[in-house]
C-alpha cells in the first residue's frame, strides 16, 4: 500500500510518500480501506517532534479518518466486511489501509458521506467536549472563540448556538469573517496582534464573556484572561503552539476557572465514543450542524496540506484522499 511517513523530525521535507507493507489485523482489530484521512494540528506537532518521540522513524502520520471494513480479526463483534466506519486517534491514518482496534471504530450511518464523517471525528468530538462537558453552555452565555473560521472553531460555534449561547469569534483576516459568520458567530473580530479584549468586552456589555475557548498559543493567553467576566471559564487547548508557562494560581483574576481540556475525557470508553459520535451524525443529518471542508488533497500531497494549515490561510477542515 501507499502511505505518508516522516523520516525524521523537521519541516514538511521530512514527509515522504512511500510503499509500505499492508497491515494485518490481530485479535480485536479490524482492517479498513481508508477513503479519507483528516489533517490535524497534532500531525504537525508530531512531525516537529512534540509527540510520538517514543515511536521510531520512519512512521506513518495521521490519527483520523473514514473508510470501509476489509477484514475483521479474531474476537471482533459488531463489525462486518463492507461496513463504513470512522475513527479518531488511531496512528497510521495517512495511508491506504489501517489495522485498528474495533473499540476505536464508530459506524457511519447512511446519509453521512465519508468526507463529512472524517471531518467531525477529531474536531467535532473536541468541540462537543468543550461546549457540553467542560463548560456546558447555557442559554444566554456569551462565548469567545479563537480561530473561529478553523475546522474546530466552526463546529464549536454551531454547537454553542445549538445550546442557546452567543458567540464572539476571532479570526486572523477579513477573508475569514464571512465563513465564521455563516457558522452563526454573532460578532467577528479580525485580529492578529492579540488586541481583541476591548472590543470583545464592549460586545459583551462591558462585563466580559462567560467562557473563552483558546487554542492559539501563549500570545493570546493574557488577552483571554482579560476578556472573561467574574467566575468565567477559560478553556485552554492546543499544545502544538505551546503553553503559557508557569502560572501563579493566586494571580488569576475575577475568580475565573482555568482548565486544559482534553477530548479523550469526553470519549474515554467505546460506549461514549459511539454515543457522542452518533449525536454529531444526528445533528448533521438534521441540518443542525454543517461541516465546512476547506481543502481536499491527494494523500501524496500531505506535505502541502501541512504547509497550508500552518500558514493559517485555510478555513474549515483539511482532508487527504488516498
C-alpha atoms as a PDB file:
ATOM      1  CA  UNK A   1       0.000   0.000   0.000  1.00  0.00           C
ATOM      2  CA  UNK A   2       0.949   3.689  -0.186  1.00  0.00           C
ATOM      3  CA  UNK A   3       1.492   5.747   2.966  1.00  0.00           C
ATOM      4  CA  UNK A   4       2.900   9.082   4.114  1.00  0.00           C
ATOM      5  CA  UNK A   5       5.723   8.706   6.619  1.00  0.00           C
ATOM      6  CA  UNK A   6       8.031  11.066   8.447  1.00  0.00           C
ATOM      7  CA  UNK A   7      11.660  10.039   8.140  1.00  0.00           C
ATOM      8  CA  UNK A   8      12.924  12.462  10.771  1.00  0.00           C
ATOM      9  CA  UNK A   9      11.779  15.416  12.830  1.00  0.00           C
ATOM     10  CA  UNK A  10      11.578  18.597  10.808  1.00  0.00           C
ATOM     11  CA  UNK A  11       9.684  20.701   8.290  1.00  0.00           C
ATOM     12  CA  UNK A  12       7.437  19.350   5.544  1.00  0.00           C
ATOM     13  CA  UNK A  13      10.526  17.987   3.782  1.00  0.00           C
ATOM     14  CA  UNK A  14      10.575  15.260   6.443  1.00  0.00           C
ATOM     15  CA  UNK A  15       7.481  13.704   4.866  1.00  0.00           C
ATOM     16  CA  UNK A  16       7.646  11.066   2.134  1.00  0.00           C
ATOM     17  CA  UNK A  17       5.017   9.217   0.092  1.00  0.00           C
ATOM     18  CA  UNK A  18       6.207   5.616   0.056  1.00  0.00           C
ATOM     19  CA  UNK A  19       5.344   1.970  -0.422  1.00  0.00           C
ATOM     20  CA  UNK A  20       4.594   0.353   2.945  1.00  0.00           C
ATOM     21  CA  UNK A  21       3.677  -3.191   3.981  1.00  0.00           C
ATOM     22  CA  UNK A  22      -0.051  -3.843   4.286  1.00  0.00           C
ATOM     23  CA  UNK A  23      -1.165  -4.022   7.938  1.00  0.00           C
ATOM     24  CA  UNK A  24      -2.573  -7.280   9.304  1.00  0.00           C
ATOM     25  CA  UNK A  25      -5.429  -7.147  11.839  1.00  0.00           C
ATOM     26  CA  UNK A  26      -4.682  -9.035  15.044  1.00  0.00           C
ATOM     27  CA  UNK A  27      -7.128 -10.154  17.684  1.00  0.00           C
ATOM     28  CA  UNK A  28      -9.725  -7.489  18.413  1.00  0.00           C
ATOM     29  CA  UNK A  29      -8.683  -5.452  15.376  1.00  0.00           C
ATOM     30  CA  UNK A  30     -10.258  -4.523  12.059  1.00  0.00           C
ATOM     31  CA  UNK A  31      -8.580  -3.910   8.695  1.00  0.00           C
ATOM     32  CA  UNK A  32     -10.014  -0.847   6.958  1.00  0.00           C
ATOM     33  CA  UNK A  33      -9.609   0.531   3.442  1.00  0.00           C
ATOM     34  CA  UNK A  34      -9.160   4.247   4.084  1.00  0.00           C
ATOM     35  CA  UNK A  35     -11.369   6.542   1.996  1.00  0.00           C
ATOM     36  CA  UNK A  36     -10.476   9.837   3.700  1.00  0.00           C
ATOM     37  CA  UNK A  37      -7.938  10.883   6.345  1.00  0.00           C
ATOM     38  CA  UNK A  38      -8.215  14.045   8.417  1.00  0.00           C
ATOM     39  CA  UNK A  39      -5.376  16.544   8.821  1.00  0.00           C
ATOM     40  CA  UNK A  40      -4.917  17.995  12.312  1.00  0.00           C
ATOM     41  CA  UNK A  41      -2.544  20.379  14.046  1.00  0.00           C
ATOM     42  CA  UNK A  42      -1.366  17.482  16.179  1.00  0.00           C
ATOM     43  CA  UNK A  43       0.034  15.875  12.998  1.00  0.00           C
ATOM     44  CA  UNK A  44       2.205  18.941  12.554  1.00  0.00           C
ATOM     45  CA  UNK A  45       3.239  18.653  16.198  1.00  0.00           C
ATOM     46  CA  UNK A  46       4.289  15.037  15.694  1.00  0.00           C
ATOM     47  CA  UNK A  47       6.308  16.000  12.622  1.00  0.00           C
ATOM     48  CA  UNK A  48       8.030  18.718  14.634  1.00  0.00           C
ATOM     49  CA  UNK A  49       8.952  16.330  17.442  1.00  0.00           C
ATOM     50  CA  UNK A  50       6.382  17.407  20.037  1.00  0.00           C
ATOM     51  CA  UNK A  51       4.830  13.925  20.374  1.00  0.00           C
ATOM     52  CA  UNK A  52       5.299  10.272  19.438  1.00  0.00           C
ATOM     53  CA  UNK A  53       9.022  10.514  20.087  1.00  0.00           C
ATOM     54  CA  UNK A  54       8.952   7.027  21.538  1.00  0.00           C
ATOM     55  CA  UNK A  55       7.950   5.678  18.104  1.00  0.00           C
ATOM     56  CA  UNK A  56      10.938   5.072  15.810  1.00  0.00           C
ATOM     57  CA  UNK A  57      11.177   6.699  12.390  1.00  0.00           C
ATOM     58  CA  UNK A  58      10.071   6.240   9.736  1.00  0.00           C
ATOM     59  CA  UNK A  59       6.488   6.225  10.995  1.00  0.00           C
ATOM     60  CA  UNK A  60       3.113   6.833   9.362  1.00  0.00           C
ATOM     61  CA  UNK A  61       1.392  10.047  10.407  1.00  0.00           C
ATOM     62  CA  UNK A  62      -2.316  10.738  10.899  1.00  0.00           C
ATOM     63  CA  UNK A  63      -4.875   9.731  13.503  1.00  0.00           C
ATOM     64  CA  UNK A  64      -8.323  10.274  11.971  1.00  0.00           C
ATOM     65  CA  UNK A  65     -10.327   9.011   9.050  1.00  0.00           C
ATOM     66  CA  UNK A  66     -13.182   7.102   7.489  1.00  0.00           C
ATOM     67  CA  UNK A  67     -13.334   4.036   5.288  1.00  0.00           C
ATOM     68  CA  UNK A  68     -14.725   0.562   4.701  1.00  0.00           C
ATOM     69  CA  UNK A  69     -14.041  -2.692   6.553  1.00  0.00           C
ATOM     70  CA  UNK A  70     -11.902  -5.157   4.592  1.00  0.00           C
ATOM     71  CA  UNK A  71     -11.397  -7.856   7.235  1.00  0.00           C
ATOM     72  CA  UNK A  72     -12.033  -8.481  10.929  1.00  0.00           C
ATOM     73  CA  UNK A  73      -9.654 -10.106  13.365  1.00  0.00           C
ATOM     74  CA  UNK A  74     -10.397 -12.830  15.851  1.00  0.00           C
ATOM     75  CA  UNK A  75     -12.801 -11.850  18.607  1.00  0.00           C
ATOM     76  CA  UNK A  76     -14.314  -8.855  16.821  1.00  0.00           C
ATOM     77  CA  UNK A  77     -18.059  -8.397  17.143  1.00  0.00           C
ATOM     78  CA  UNK A  78     -20.330  -5.692  15.777  1.00  0.00           C
ATOM     79  CA  UNK A  79     -18.443  -5.015  12.545  1.00  0.00           C
ATOM     80  CA  UNK A  80     -18.619  -6.785   9.203  1.00  0.00           C
ATOM     81  CA  UNK A  81     -16.852  -6.689   5.865  1.00  0.00           C
ATOM     82  CA  UNK A  82     -18.081  -3.822   3.704  1.00  0.00           C
ATOM     83  CA  UNK A  83     -19.311  -1.713   6.619  1.00  0.00           C
ATOM     84  CA  UNK A  84     -18.440   2.009   6.637  1.00  0.00           C
ATOM     85  CA  UNK A  85     -16.620   3.180   9.745  1.00  0.00           C
ATOM     86  CA  UNK A  86     -14.824   6.223  11.146  1.00  0.00           C
ATOM     87  CA  UNK A  87     -12.249   6.732  13.896  1.00  0.00           C
ATOM     88  CA  UNK A  88     -10.230   9.225  15.862  1.00  0.00           C
ATOM     89  CA  UNK A  89      -6.760   8.945  17.340  1.00  0.00           C
ATOM     90  CA  UNK A  90      -5.644   5.821  15.531  1.00  0.00           C
ATOM     91  CA  UNK A  91      -1.987   6.272  14.477  1.00  0.00           C
ATOM     92  CA  UNK A  92      -1.066   5.449  10.865  1.00  0.00           C
ATOM     93  CA  UNK A  93      -4.116   7.037   9.226  1.00  0.00           C
ATOM     94  CA  UNK A  94      -2.134   8.715   6.394  1.00  0.00           C
ATOM     95  CA  UNK A  95      -2.295   5.527   4.354  1.00  0.00           C
ATOM     96  CA  UNK A  96      -4.441   3.421   2.073  1.00  0.00           C
ATOM     97  CA  UNK A  97      -5.170   0.845   4.770  1.00  0.00           C
ATOM     98  CA  UNK A  98      -5.121   0.697   8.565  1.00  0.00           C
ATOM     99  CA  UNK A  99      -5.417  -2.043  11.178  1.00  0.00           C
ATOM    100  CA  UNK A 100      -7.340  -0.533  14.073  1.00  0.00           C
ATOM    101  CA  UNK A 101      -8.805  -1.737  17.350  1.00  0.00           C
ATOM    102  CA  UNK A 102     -12.517  -2.404  16.968  1.00  0.00           C
ATOM    103  CA  UNK A 103     -13.107  -0.419  20.158  1.00  0.00           C
ATOM    104  CA  UNK A 104     -11.845   2.698  18.359  1.00  0.00           C
ATOM    105  CA  UNK A 105     -14.321   2.469  15.477  1.00  0.00           C
ATOM    106  CA  UNK A 106     -17.756   4.012  15.069  1.00  0.00           C
ATOM    107  CA  UNK A 107     -20.280   3.031  12.398  1.00  0.00           C
ATOM    108  CA  UNK A 108     -21.121   5.690   9.823  1.00  0.00           C
ATOM    109  CA  UNK A 109     -24.878   5.945   9.276  1.00  0.00           C
ATOM    110  CA  UNK A 110     -26.426   6.026   5.811  1.00  0.00           C
ATOM    111  CA  UNK A 111     -26.752   9.590   4.628  1.00  0.00           C
ATOM    112  CA  UNK A 112     -23.404  10.710   6.066  1.00  0.00           C
ATOM    113  CA  UNK A 113     -20.645  10.659   3.458  1.00  0.00           C
ATOM    114  CA  UNK A 114     -17.061   9.662   4.202  1.00  0.00           C
ATOM    115  CA  UNK A 115     -15.633  13.195   3.983  1.00  0.00           C
ATOM    116  CA  UNK A 116     -18.191  14.512   6.444  1.00  0.00           C
ATOM    117  CA  UNK A 117     -17.636  11.635   8.854  1.00  0.00           C
ATOM    118  CA  UNK A 118     -13.861  12.056   8.799  1.00  0.00           C
ATOM    119  CA  UNK A 119     -14.234  15.806   9.300  1.00  0.00           C
ATOM    120  CA  UNK A 120     -16.056  15.621  12.620  1.00  0.00           C
ATOM    121  CA  UNK A 121     -14.196  12.901  14.482  1.00  0.00           C
ATOM    122  CA  UNK A 122     -11.318  14.886  15.992  1.00  0.00           C
ATOM    123  CA  UNK A 123     -12.667  18.420  15.771  1.00  0.00           C
ATOM    124  CA  UNK A 124     -16.348  17.585  16.232  1.00  0.00           C
ATOM    125  CA  UNK A 125     -15.777  15.457  19.320  1.00  0.00           C
ATOM    126  CA  UNK A 126     -13.424  18.116  20.673  1.00  0.00           C
ATOM    127  CA  UNK A 127     -15.999  20.856  20.141  1.00  0.00           C
ATOM    128  CA  UNK A 128     -18.663  18.671  21.730  1.00  0.00           C
ATOM    129  CA  UNK A 129     -16.462  18.165  24.804  1.00  0.00           C
ATOM    130  CA  UNK A 130     -15.740  21.869  25.134  1.00  0.00           C
ATOM    131  CA  UNK A 131     -19.355  23.082  24.930  1.00  0.00           C
ATOM    132  CA  UNK A 132     -21.260  20.230  26.598  1.00  0.00           C
ATOM    133  CA  UNK A 133     -18.903  18.810  29.245  1.00  0.00           C
ATOM    134  CA  UNK A 134     -16.014  21.156  30.010  1.00  0.00           C
ATOM    135  CA  UNK A 135     -18.259  24.219  30.072  1.00  0.00           C
ATOM    136  CA  UNK A 136     -21.877  23.184  29.492  1.00  0.00           C
ATOM    137  CA  UNK A 137     -23.074  26.256  27.619  1.00  0.00           C
ATOM    138  CA  UNK A 138     -26.334  27.665  28.969  1.00  0.00           C
ATOM    139  CA  UNK A 139     -28.869  29.824  27.117  1.00  0.00           C
ATOM    140  CA  UNK A 140     -27.615  33.398  27.127  1.00  0.00           C
ATOM    141  CA  UNK A 141     -23.958  32.532  27.724  1.00  0.00           C
ATOM    142  CA  UNK A 142     -21.524  34.630  25.715  1.00  0.00           C
ATOM    143  CA  UNK A 143     -18.557  32.634  24.381  1.00  0.00           C
ATOM    144  CA  UNK A 144     -15.344  33.961  22.855  1.00  0.00           C
ATOM    145  CA  UNK A 145     -13.987  31.552  20.221  1.00  0.00           C
ATOM    146  CA  UNK A 146     -10.438  31.957  18.907  1.00  0.00           C
ATOM    147  CA  UNK A 147      -9.693  30.741  15.340  1.00  0.00           C
ATOM    148  CA  UNK A 148     -13.413  30.880  14.682  1.00  0.00           C
ATOM    149  CA  UNK A 149     -13.033  30.097  10.964  1.00  0.00           C
ATOM    150  CA  UNK A 150     -10.981  26.936  11.524  1.00  0.00           C
ATOM    151  CA  UNK A 151     -12.442  23.451  11.455  1.00  0.00           C
ATOM    152  CA  UNK A 152     -12.811  23.281  15.231  1.00  0.00           C
ATOM    153  CA  UNK A 153     -13.966  26.883  15.588  1.00  0.00           C
ATOM    154  CA  UNK A 154     -16.745  26.479  13.036  1.00  0.00           C
ATOM    155  CA  UNK A 155     -18.117  23.349  14.709  1.00  0.00           C
ATOM    156  CA  UNK A 156     -17.732  24.811  18.199  1.00  0.00           C
ATOM    157  CA  UNK A 157     -19.610  27.952  17.173  1.00  0.00           C
ATOM    158  CA  UNK A 158     -22.520  25.900  15.859  1.00  0.00           C
ATOM    159  CA  UNK A 159     -22.737  23.729  18.994  1.00  0.00           C
ATOM    160  CA  UNK A 160     -22.684  26.823  21.233  1.00  0.00           C
ATOM    161  CA  UNK A 161     -25.547  28.258  19.171  1.00  0.00           C
ATOM    162  CA  UNK A 162     -27.452  24.967  19.397  1.00  0.00           C
ATOM    163  CA  UNK A 163     -27.288  25.300  23.175  1.00  0.00           C
ATOM    164  CA  UNK A 164     -28.600  28.862  23.138  1.00  0.00           C
ATOM    165  CA  UNK A 165     -25.313  30.730  23.542  1.00  0.00           C
ATOM    166  CA  UNK A 166     -23.926  33.769  21.760  1.00  0.00           C
ATOM    167  CA  UNK A 167     -20.541  33.744  20.014  1.00  0.00           C
ATOM    168  CA  UNK A 168     -17.883  36.388  19.562  1.00  0.00           C
ATOM    169  CA  UNK A 169     -15.395  34.902  17.111  1.00  0.00           C
ATOM    170  CA  UNK A 170     -11.822  35.962  16.446  1.00  0.00           C
ATOM    171  CA  UNK A 171     -10.255  35.423  13.010  1.00  0.00           C
ATOM    172  CA  UNK A 172      -6.906  36.376  11.532  1.00  0.00           C
ATOM    173  CA  UNK A 173      -8.058  38.052   8.302  1.00  0.00           C
ATOM    174  CA  UNK A 174     -11.046  39.807   6.771  1.00  0.00           C
ATOM    175  CA  UNK A 175     -11.381  36.975   4.280  1.00  0.00           C
ATOM    176  CA  UNK A 176     -12.440  34.660   7.099  1.00  0.00           C
ATOM    177  CA  UNK A 177     -15.187  36.869   8.522  1.00  0.00           C
ATOM    178  CA  UNK A 178     -17.954  35.578   6.241  1.00  0.00           C
ATOM    179  CA  UNK A 179     -17.085  31.950   6.977  1.00  0.00           C
ATOM    180  CA  UNK A 180     -17.268  32.470  10.755  1.00  0.00           C
ATOM    181  CA  UNK A 181     -20.487  34.464  10.439  1.00  0.00           C
ATOM    182  CA  UNK A 182     -22.075  31.773   8.269  1.00  0.00           C
ATOM    183  CA  UNK A 183     -21.477  29.279  11.094  1.00  0.00           C
ATOM    184  CA  UNK A 184     -23.512  31.503  13.403  1.00  0.00           C
ATOM    185  CA  UNK A 185     -20.996  33.799  15.079  1.00  0.00           C
ATOM    186  CA  UNK A 186     -22.909  36.848  16.321  1.00  0.00           C
ATOM    187  CA  UNK A 187     -19.837  39.077  16.055  1.00  0.00           C
ATOM    188  CA  UNK A 188     -16.459  38.503  14.375  1.00  0.00           C
ATOM    189  CA  UNK A 189     -13.293  40.359  15.358  1.00  0.00           C
ATOM    190  CA  UNK A 190     -10.355  40.478  12.931  1.00  0.00           C
ATOM    191  CA  UNK A 191      -7.131  40.411  14.957  1.00  0.00           C
ATOM    192  CA  UNK A 192      -3.560  39.194  14.554  1.00  0.00           C
ATOM    193  CA  UNK A 193      -1.883  41.074  17.386  1.00  0.00           C
ATOM    194  CA  UNK A 194      -3.868  39.894  20.414  1.00  0.00           C
ATOM    195  CA  UNK A 195      -5.673  43.246  20.674  1.00  0.00           C
ATOM    196  CA  UNK A 196      -9.191  41.872  20.883  1.00  0.00           C
ATOM    197  CA  UNK A 197     -10.037  42.478  24.540  1.00  0.00           C
ATOM    198  CA  UNK A 198     -11.533  45.975  24.402  1.00  0.00           C
ATOM    199  CA  UNK A 199     -13.856  45.170  21.504  1.00  0.00           C
ATOM    200  CA  UNK A 200     -14.917  41.829  22.997  1.00  0.00           C
ATOM    201  CA  UNK A 201     -15.721  43.387  26.367  1.00  0.00           C
ATOM    202  CA  UNK A 202     -17.701  46.110  24.609  1.00  0.00           C
ATOM    203  CA  UNK A 203     -19.689  43.463  22.701  1.00  0.00           C
ATOM    204  CA  UNK A 204     -20.406  41.641  25.965  1.00  0.00           C
ATOM    205  CA  UNK A 205     -21.903  44.720  27.585  1.00  0.00           C
ATOM    206  CA  UNK A 206     -18.718  45.622  29.416  1.00  0.00           C
ATOM    207  CA  UNK A 207     -18.818  42.625  31.749  1.00  0.00           C
ATOM    208  CA  UNK A 208     -16.762  40.191  29.698  1.00  0.00           C
ATOM    209  CA  UNK A 209     -17.668  36.763  28.347  1.00  0.00           C
ATOM    210  CA  UNK A 210     -18.798  33.679  30.250  1.00  0.00           C
ATOM    211  CA  UNK A 211     -16.304  31.356  28.542  1.00  0.00           C
ATOM    212  CA  UNK A 212     -13.300  31.649  26.242  1.00  0.00           C
ATOM    213  CA  UNK A 213     -12.006  28.801  24.064  1.00  0.00           C
ATOM    214  CA  UNK A 214      -8.340  29.416  23.278  1.00  0.00           C
ATOM    215  CA  UNK A 215      -6.064  27.158  21.243  1.00  0.00           C
ATOM    216  CA  UNK A 216      -3.999  29.981  19.753  1.00  0.00           C
ATOM    217  CA  UNK A 217      -0.904  29.575  21.898  1.00  0.00           C
ATOM    218  CA  UNK A 218       0.760  31.777  24.508  1.00  0.00           C
ATOM    219  CA  UNK A 219       0.376  35.017  22.542  1.00  0.00           C
ATOM    220  CA  UNK A 220      -3.341  35.219  23.366  1.00  0.00           C
ATOM    221  CA  UNK A 221      -3.262  33.853  26.918  1.00  0.00           C
ATOM    222  CA  UNK A 222      -3.324  37.183  28.748  1.00  0.00           C
ATOM    223  CA  UNK A 223      -5.996  38.568  26.455  1.00  0.00           C
ATOM    224  CA  UNK A 224      -8.165  35.545  27.088  1.00  0.00           C
ATOM    225  CA  UNK A 225      -7.832  36.108  30.831  1.00  0.00           C
ATOM    226  CA  UNK A 226      -8.749  39.765  30.417  1.00  0.00           C
ATOM    227  CA  UNK A 227     -11.824  39.101  28.298  1.00  0.00           C
ATOM    228  CA  UNK A 228     -13.527  36.923  30.951  1.00  0.00           C
ATOM    229  CA  UNK A 229     -16.158  38.177  33.352  1.00  0.00           C
ATOM    230  CA  UNK A 230     -16.223  37.281  37.041  1.00  0.00           C
ATOM    231  CA  UNK A 231     -16.324  33.497  37.576  1.00  0.00           C
ATOM    232  CA  UNK A 232     -15.877  32.943  33.847  1.00  0.00           C
ATOM    233  CA  UNK A 233     -14.327  29.790  32.382  1.00  0.00           C
ATOM    234  CA  UNK A 234     -11.055  29.638  30.447  1.00  0.00           C
ATOM    235  CA  UNK A 235     -10.883  26.556  28.211  1.00  0.00           C
ATOM    236  CA  UNK A 236      -7.259  26.130  27.091  1.00  0.00           C
ATOM    237  CA  UNK A 237      -6.262  23.637  24.394  1.00  0.00           C
ATOM    238  CA  UNK A 238      -3.857  23.198  21.500  1.00  0.00           C
ATOM    239  CA  UNK A 239      -0.427  22.123  22.807  1.00  0.00           C
ATOM    240  CA  UNK A 240       1.189  22.354  19.340  1.00  0.00           C
ATOM    241  CA  UNK A 241       1.571  26.118  19.686  1.00  0.00           C
ATOM    242  CA  UNK A 242       2.980  25.866  23.201  1.00  0.00           C
ATOM    243  CA  UNK A 243       1.751  26.694  26.675  1.00  0.00           C
ATOM    244  CA  UNK A 244       1.706  29.932  28.661  1.00  0.00           C
ATOM    245  CA  UNK A 245       4.467  28.875  31.065  1.00  0.00           C
ATOM    246  CA  UNK A 246       4.222  28.674  34.844  1.00  0.00           C
ATOM    247  CA  UNK A 247       1.078  30.209  36.341  1.00  0.00           C
ATOM    248  CA  UNK A 248       0.721  31.655  39.840  1.00  0.00           C
ATOM    249  CA  UNK A 249      -2.787  30.496  40.708  1.00  0.00           C
ATOM    250  CA  UNK A 250      -3.196  33.383  43.156  1.00  0.00           C
ATOM    251  CA  UNK A 251      -2.696  35.816  40.279  1.00  0.00           C
ATOM    252  CA  UNK A 252      -5.747  34.592  38.369  1.00  0.00           C
ATOM    253  CA  UNK A 253      -8.301  37.410  38.279  1.00  0.00           C
ATOM    254  CA  UNK A 254     -12.030  37.633  38.996  1.00  0.00           C
ATOM    255  CA  UNK A 255     -12.470  34.121  40.425  1.00  0.00           C
ATOM    256  CA  UNK A 256     -12.146  32.630  36.953  1.00  0.00           C
ATOM    257  CA  UNK A 257     -11.897  28.893  36.343  1.00  0.00           C
ATOM    258  CA  UNK A 258      -8.960  27.797  34.184  1.00  0.00           C
ATOM    259  CA  UNK A 259      -8.501  24.320  32.718  1.00  0.00           C
ATOM    260  CA  UNK A 260      -6.824  22.329  29.975  1.00  0.00           C
ATOM    261  CA  UNK A 261      -9.498  20.467  28.021  1.00  0.00           C
ATOM    262  CA  UNK A 262      -8.587  17.066  26.533  1.00  0.00           C
ATOM    263  CA  UNK A 263     -11.170  15.457  24.260  1.00  0.00           C
ATOM    264  CA  UNK A 264     -10.248  11.922  25.422  1.00  0.00           C
ATOM    265  CA  UNK A 265     -12.106  12.696  28.641  1.00  0.00           C
ATOM    266  CA  UNK A 266     -15.243  13.029  26.505  1.00  0.00           C
ATOM    267  CA  UNK A 267     -14.827   9.608  24.880  1.00  0.00           C
ATOM    268  CA  UNK A 268     -12.879   7.562  27.418  1.00  0.00           C
ATOM    269  CA  UNK A 269     -14.963   4.441  26.757  1.00  0.00           C
ATOM    270  CA  UNK A 270     -16.095   2.890  23.449  1.00  0.00           C
ATOM    271  CA  UNK A 271     -19.672   3.496  24.530  1.00  0.00           C
ATOM    272  CA  UNK A 272     -19.088   7.227  24.967  1.00  0.00           C
ATOM    273  CA  UNK A 273     -17.161   7.418  21.698  1.00  0.00           C
ATOM    274  CA  UNK A 274     -20.084   5.909  19.807  1.00  0.00           C
ATOM    275  CA  UNK A 275     -22.751   7.873  21.673  1.00  0.00           C
ATOM    276  CA  UNK A 276     -21.111  11.249  21.122  1.00  0.00           C
ATOM    277  CA  UNK A 277     -20.247  10.422  17.503  1.00  0.00           C
ATOM    278  CA  UNK A 278     -23.845   9.358  16.902  1.00  0.00           C
ATOM    279  CA  UNK A 279     -25.063  12.675  18.330  1.00  0.00           C
ATOM    280  CA  UNK A 280     -22.791  14.588  15.926  1.00  0.00           C
ATOM    281  CA  UNK A 281     -24.018  12.498  12.989  1.00  0.00           C
ATOM    282  CA  UNK A 282     -27.623  13.100  14.087  1.00  0.00           C
ATOM    283  CA  UNK A 283     -27.117  16.866  14.206  1.00  0.00           C
ATOM    284  CA  UNK A 284     -25.616  16.724  10.711  1.00  0.00           C
ATOM    285  CA  UNK A 285     -28.464  14.599   9.346  1.00  0.00           C
ATOM    286  CA  UNK A 286     -30.994  17.018  10.840  1.00  0.00           C
ATOM    287  CA  UNK A 287     -29.245  20.016   9.310  1.00  0.00           C
ATOM    288  CA  UNK A 288     -28.309  21.454  12.705  1.00  0.00           C
ATOM    289  CA  UNK A 289     -24.550  21.060  12.200  1.00  0.00           C
ATOM    290  CA  UNK A 290     -22.790  21.819   8.931  1.00  0.00           C
ATOM    291  CA  UNK A 291     -19.262  20.725   8.048  1.00  0.00           C
ATOM    292  CA  UNK A 292     -17.033  23.136   6.140  1.00  0.00           C
ATOM    293  CA  UNK A 293     -14.310  21.325   4.207  1.00  0.00           C
ATOM    294  CA  UNK A 294     -11.621  23.838   3.359  1.00  0.00           C
ATOM    295  CA  UNK A 295      -9.374  21.615   1.258  1.00  0.00           C
ATOM    296  CA  UNK A 296      -9.138  18.091  -0.140  1.00  0.00           C
ATOM    297  CA  UNK A 297      -5.671  16.867  -1.167  1.00  0.00           C
ATOM    298  CA  UNK A 298      -4.358  13.641  -2.666  1.00  0.00           C
ATOM    299  CA  UNK A 299      -2.575  11.612   0.005  1.00  0.00           C
ATOM    300  CA  UNK A 300       0.690  12.189  -1.863  1.00  0.00           C
ATOM    301  CA  UNK A 301       0.285  15.939  -1.190  1.00  0.00           C
ATOM    302  CA  UNK A 302       0.176  15.661   2.605  1.00  0.00           C
ATOM    303  CA  UNK A 303       3.189  17.972   2.884  1.00  0.00           C
ATOM    304  CA  UNK A 304       1.296  20.706   1.058  1.00  0.00           C
ATOM    305  CA  UNK A 305      -1.701  20.237   3.355  1.00  0.00           C
ATOM    306  CA  UNK A 306       0.623  20.665   6.354  1.00  0.00           C
ATOM    307  CA  UNK A 307       2.126  23.819   4.861  1.00  0.00           C
ATOM    308  CA  UNK A 308      -1.288  25.304   4.099  1.00  0.00           C
ATOM    309  CA  UNK A 309      -2.603  24.569   7.584  1.00  0.00           C
ATOM    310  CA  UNK A 310       0.478  26.035   9.256  1.00  0.00           C
ATOM    311  CA  UNK A 311       0.135  29.214   7.175  1.00  0.00           C
ATOM    312  CA  UNK A 312      -3.227  29.928   8.825  1.00  0.00           C
ATOM    313  CA  UNK A 313      -4.572  30.786   5.381  1.00  0.00           C
ATOM    314  CA  UNK A 314      -7.102  27.943   5.342  1.00  0.00           C
ATOM    315  CA  UNK A 315     -10.616  27.677   6.745  1.00  0.00           C
ATOM    316  CA  UNK A 316     -12.536  24.605   7.827  1.00  0.00           C
ATOM    317  CA  UNK A 317     -11.308  21.013   7.706  1.00  0.00           C
ATOM    318  CA  UNK A 318      -8.438  19.728   5.543  1.00  0.00           C
ATOM    319  CA  UNK A 319      -8.648  16.176   4.222  1.00  0.00           C
ATOM    320  CA  UNK A 320      -6.425  13.669   2.398  1.00  0.00           C
ATOM    321  CA  UNK A 321      -7.747  11.149  -0.112  1.00  0.00           C
ATOM    322  CA  UNK A 322      -5.604   8.033  -0.786  1.00  0.00           C
END
